[in-house]
Amino acid sequence: MKTRTLVAAALFLALPLGACHTDPFGLKPEVKVTLPDTPAPEAEAPAKEPEDGTPPEVTQP
């Protein structure tokens, strides 16, 4: 009975220590980055394969 009481008391006294931890799940960002107000421009759509099954032509920049 004394052992159970000591274990319960230790757990009860350890609970307030968890309240001292300000970010237990790591939800705050680690760096200070501001996101832009406008979204990024749309990327070009990939070339579609022709209906007959031949691969699309590749152009060199």
Protein backbone atom coordinates (compact mmCIF):
# COMPACT_ATOMS: atom_id res chain seq x y z
CA MET A 1 0.00 0.00 0.00
CA LYS A 2 2.87 2.33 0.81
CA THR A 3 4.42 1.71 -2.63
CA ARG A 4 1.20 2.57 -4.43
CA THR A 5 0.87 5.74 -2.41
CA LEU A 6 4.41 6.80 -3.25
CA VAL A 7 3.91 6.11 -6.97
CA ALA A 8 0.62 8.02 -6.99
CA ALA A 9 2.23 10.93 -5.12
CA ALA A 10 5.18 11.01 -7.52
CA LEU A 11 2.85 11.10 -10.53
CA PHE A 12 0.69 13.77 -8.93
CA LEU A 13 3.72 15.93 -8.15
CA ALA A 14 5.18 15.43 -11.65
CA LEU A 15 2.05 16.71 -13.43
CA PRO A 16 2.75 20.41 -12.79
CA LEU A 17 6.13 20.03 -14.47
CA GLY A 18 4.33 19.28 -17.73
CA ALA A 19 2.57 22.63 -17.51
CA CYS A 20 5.95 24.39 -17.63
CA HIS A 21 6.61 23.09 -21.12
CA THR A 22 5.32 25.84 -23.43
CA ASP A 23 5.13 23.90 -26.72
CA PRO A 24 4.64 20.19 -26.01
CA PHE A 25 3.80 19.15 -29.59
CA GLY A 26 6.22 21.42 -31.47
CA LEU A 27 3.52 23.52 -33.11
CA LYS A 28 5.53 26.74 -33.14
CA PRO A 29 7.75 27.28 -36.19
CA GLU A 30 11.46 26.98 -35.59
CA VAL A 31 12.35 29.84 -37.94
CA LYS A 32 10.83 33.26 -38.47
CA VAL A 33 9.49 33.16 -42.01
CA THR A 34 6.72 35.33 -43.39
CA LEU A 35 4.57 33.92 -46.15
CA PRO A 36 3.71 36.12 -49.15
CA ASP A 37 0.22 37.61 -49.33
CA THR A 38 -0.27 36.57 -52.96
CA PRO A 39 -0.21 32.92 -54.06
CA ALA A 40 2.50 31.61 -56.38
CA PRO A 41 1.79 31.75 -60.12
CA GLU A 42 0.37 28.61 -61.68
CA ALA A 43 2.94 26.24 -63.17
CA GLU A 44 2.71 25.10 -66.75
CA ALA A 45 0.68 21.95 -67.28
CA PRO A 46 2.70 18.91 -68.37
CA ALA A 47 2.44 17.88 -72.00
CA LYS A 48 -0.37 15.44 -72.63
CA GLU A 49 0.19 12.30 -74.64
CA PRO A 50 -1.57 12.22 -78.00
CA GLU A 51 -4.62 10.03 -78.39
CA ASP A 52 -2.82 7.59 -80.71
CA GLY A 53 -0.35 6.50 -78.01
CA THR A 54 2.82 8.07 -79.43
CA PRO A 55 4.95 9.91 -76.88
CA PRO A 56 4.86 13.74 -76.95
CA GLU A 57 7.63 15.66 -78.66
CA VAL A 58 10.40 16.89 -76.37
CA THR A 59 11.74 20.39 -76.99
CA GLN A 60 15.14 21.56 -75.78
CA PRO A 61 15.28 25.02 -74.20
